[in-house]
Protein backbone atom coordinates (compact mmCIF):
# COMPACT_ATOMS: atom_id res chain seq x y z
CA MET A 1 109.52 84.37 104.35
CA ILE A 2 110.31 87.95 105.43
CA ASP A 3 110.84 90.60 102.71
CA PRO A 4 113.60 92.93 104.11
CA LEU A 5 112.54 95.90 101.98
CA ARG A 6 108.88 95.62 102.89
CA LEU A 7 109.92 95.17 106.53
CA LEU A 8 111.98 98.35 106.35
CA GLY A 9 109.01 100.11 104.83
CA TYR A 10 106.86 98.93 107.66
CA PHE A 11 109.31 100.19 110.26
CA LEU A 12 109.37 103.58 108.56
CA TRP A 13 105.60 103.60 108.48
CA ILE A 14 105.51 102.76 112.24
CA PHE A 15 107.90 105.62 112.89
CA LYS A 16 105.48 107.98 111.10
CA GLU A 17 102.67 106.58 113.26
CA ILE A 18 104.75 107.16 116.46
CA VAL A 19 105.33 110.82 115.44
CA SER A 20 101.71 111.29 114.53
CA GLY A 21 100.53 109.68 117.76
CA THR A 22 102.86 111.76 119.79
CA LEU A 23 101.47 114.96 118.21
CA SER A 24 97.95 113.76 118.98
CA MET A 25 98.82 113.03 122.64
CA THR A 26 100.56 116.41 123.04
CA THR A 27 97.63 118.27 121.42
CA SER A 28 95.22 116.47 123.77
CA LEU A 29 97.28 117.34 126.84
CA PHE A 30 97.20 121.01 126.05
CA THR A 31 93.53 121.16 125.00
CA PRO A 32 91.29 122.15 128.02
CA ARG A 33 88.82 119.35 127.66
CA GLY A 34 90.95 117.03 125.51
CA TYR A 35 89.48 115.09 122.71
CA SER A 36 90.28 111.52 123.62
CA ARG A 37 87.59 108.86 123.36
CA PRO A 38 88.98 105.94 125.34
CA MET A 39 87.69 102.48 124.50
CA ILE A 40 88.79 98.86 124.54
CA VAL A 41 88.34 96.95 121.31
CA GLN A 42 88.53 93.21 120.63
CA VAL A 43 90.69 92.41 117.64
CA PRO A 44 90.52 88.92 116.15
CA LEU A 45 93.87 88.37 114.36
CA ARG A 46 94.94 87.17 111.06
CA CYS A 47 98.46 86.76 112.51
CA THR A 48 99.21 83.13 112.99
CA THR A 49 102.79 82.76 114.23
CA ASP A 50 104.18 83.81 117.60
CA LEU A 51 106.56 86.22 115.81
CA GLU A 52 103.71 87.89 113.87
CA ILE A 53 101.60 88.26 117.02
CA THR A 54 104.46 89.58 119.08
CA MET A 55 105.49 92.11 116.36
CA PHE A 56 101.88 93.25 116.01
CA ALA A 57 101.28 93.66 119.57
CA SER A 58 104.59 95.50 120.08
CA SER A 59 103.78 97.81 117.17
CA ILE A 60 100.41 98.68 118.77
CA THR A 61 101.90 99.28 122.21
CA ILE A 62 104.77 101.42 120.95
CA THR A 63 102.31 103.70 119.09
CA PRO A 64 101.09 106.52 121.40
CA GLY A 65 97.41 106.31 122.14
CA THR A 66 97.14 102.52 121.88
CA LEU A 67 98.04 99.74 124.27
CA VAL A 68 97.55 96.00 124.20
CA VAL A 69 96.00 95.05 127.51
CA ALA A 70 95.35 91.36 126.91
CA ILE A 71 95.95 88.53 124.50
CA ALA A 72 93.59 85.53 124.23
CA ALA A 73 94.84 82.43 122.53
CA GLY A 74 92.46 80.85 120.06
CA ASP A 75 92.12 77.35 118.74
CA GLU A 76 93.68 77.06 115.30
CA ALA A 77 90.59 75.88 113.54
CA ASP A 78 87.73 78.33 114.21
CA ASP A 79 88.81 80.86 116.87
CA PRO A 80 91.76 83.11 116.01
CA PRO A 81 93.98 84.66 118.64
CA THR A 82 92.51 87.88 119.84
CA LEU A 83 94.06 91.14 121.17
CA PHE A 84 92.25 93.48 123.52
CA VAL A 85 93.51 96.97 122.77
CA HIS A 86 92.93 100.18 124.66
CA VAL A 87 92.50 103.01 122.14
CA LEU A 88 92.44 106.72 123.05
CA PHE A 89 91.81 108.50 119.77
CA ALA A 90 89.09 106.83 117.68
CA ASP A 91 85.61 108.06 116.82
CA SER A 92 84.14 104.60 116.95
CA GLU A 93 84.94 100.96 117.38
CA ALA A 94 84.89 100.56 113.58
CA ASP A 95 87.39 103.39 113.22
CA ALA A 96 89.71 101.80 115.75
CA LEU A 97 89.46 98.39 114.05
CA ASP A 98 90.14 99.97 110.63
CA GLY A 99 93.33 101.49 111.84
CA LEU A 100 94.45 98.24 113.67
CA TYR A 101 93.69 96.07 110.64
CA ASP A 102 95.57 98.43 108.42
CA MET A 103 98.60 98.03 110.67
CA GLU A 104 98.20 94.22 110.72
CA THR A 105 97.89 94.09 106.91
CA ARG A 106 101.10 96.11 106.46
CA LEU A 107 102.95 93.97 108.93
CA LEU A 108 101.70 90.62 107.35
CA THR A 109 102.48 91.86 103.85
CA ALA A 110 106.15 92.39 104.99
CA MET A 111 106.33 89.13 106.97
CA ARG A 112 104.79 86.87 104.39
CA ARG A 113 105.72 88.59 101.05
CA ARG A 114 102.13 88.60 100.03
CA PRO A 115 99.06 90.43 101.35
CA PRO A 116 96.98 88.53 103.90
CA LYS A 117 93.36 87.61 103.25
CA PRO A 118 90.97 90.54 103.65
CA VAL A 119 89.34 91.00 107.04
CA ALA A 120 86.07 89.12 107.00
CA ASP A 121 82.93 91.14 107.69
CA ALA A 122 81.99 88.39 110.14
CA ILE A 123 85.12 89.10 112.15
CA LEU A 124 84.36 92.84 112.25
CA ARG A 125 80.68 92.18 113.19
CA GLY A 126 81.70 89.56 115.73
CA ALA A 127 84.15 91.86 117.56
CA GLN A 128 82.42 92.31 120.89
CA GLY A 129 83.64 93.79 124.10
CA THR A 130 84.00 97.47 123.34
CA GLN A 131 83.48 99.48 126.46
CA GLU A 132 83.29 103.12 125.53
CA GLY A 133 84.35 105.67 128.12
CA GLU A 134 86.55 103.23 130.04
CA THR A 135 89.91 104.60 131.06
CA ALA A 136 93.20 102.86 131.77
C-alpha cells in the first residue's frame, strides 16, 4: 500500500535530484573538456509490479544525466526484471549502481510502506554489460 507522505517525500527528493542533475549538465556543457564518463549499466530490479517498474524507470529518465535505454523482463522466480541505464556522471559502474539502488530503495519504501530487502552482493557482482566510453 502506498504511503502518501513518503511518496511526497520521494517526489521532493526527485525534484532535488533534477536540480542537481541540471547543474551538473550545465557545468559539463561549459567546461572545455567536460567531465562526463558515459556508460551503460545493467540494473537488476527489486521492483516487482508494473507500477513500481514504470515509476522507477520514469524517475531515472526524468533525472538529467540518466536515461533508461531498455527494459528486459525476467521470470518471476530467479531472474528479476532488468533496466539498462545510460549514465553520464559516475566514476564507476559501482558508483552508478549505488545511486540507482538508492533511488529504487526510496521509491519502494514509499510504495510498500516498508524498506525493500537490501541489494544482494550477488546482484551487484552479476550486473554485467557495462560499456565504458559508449555515447548515446
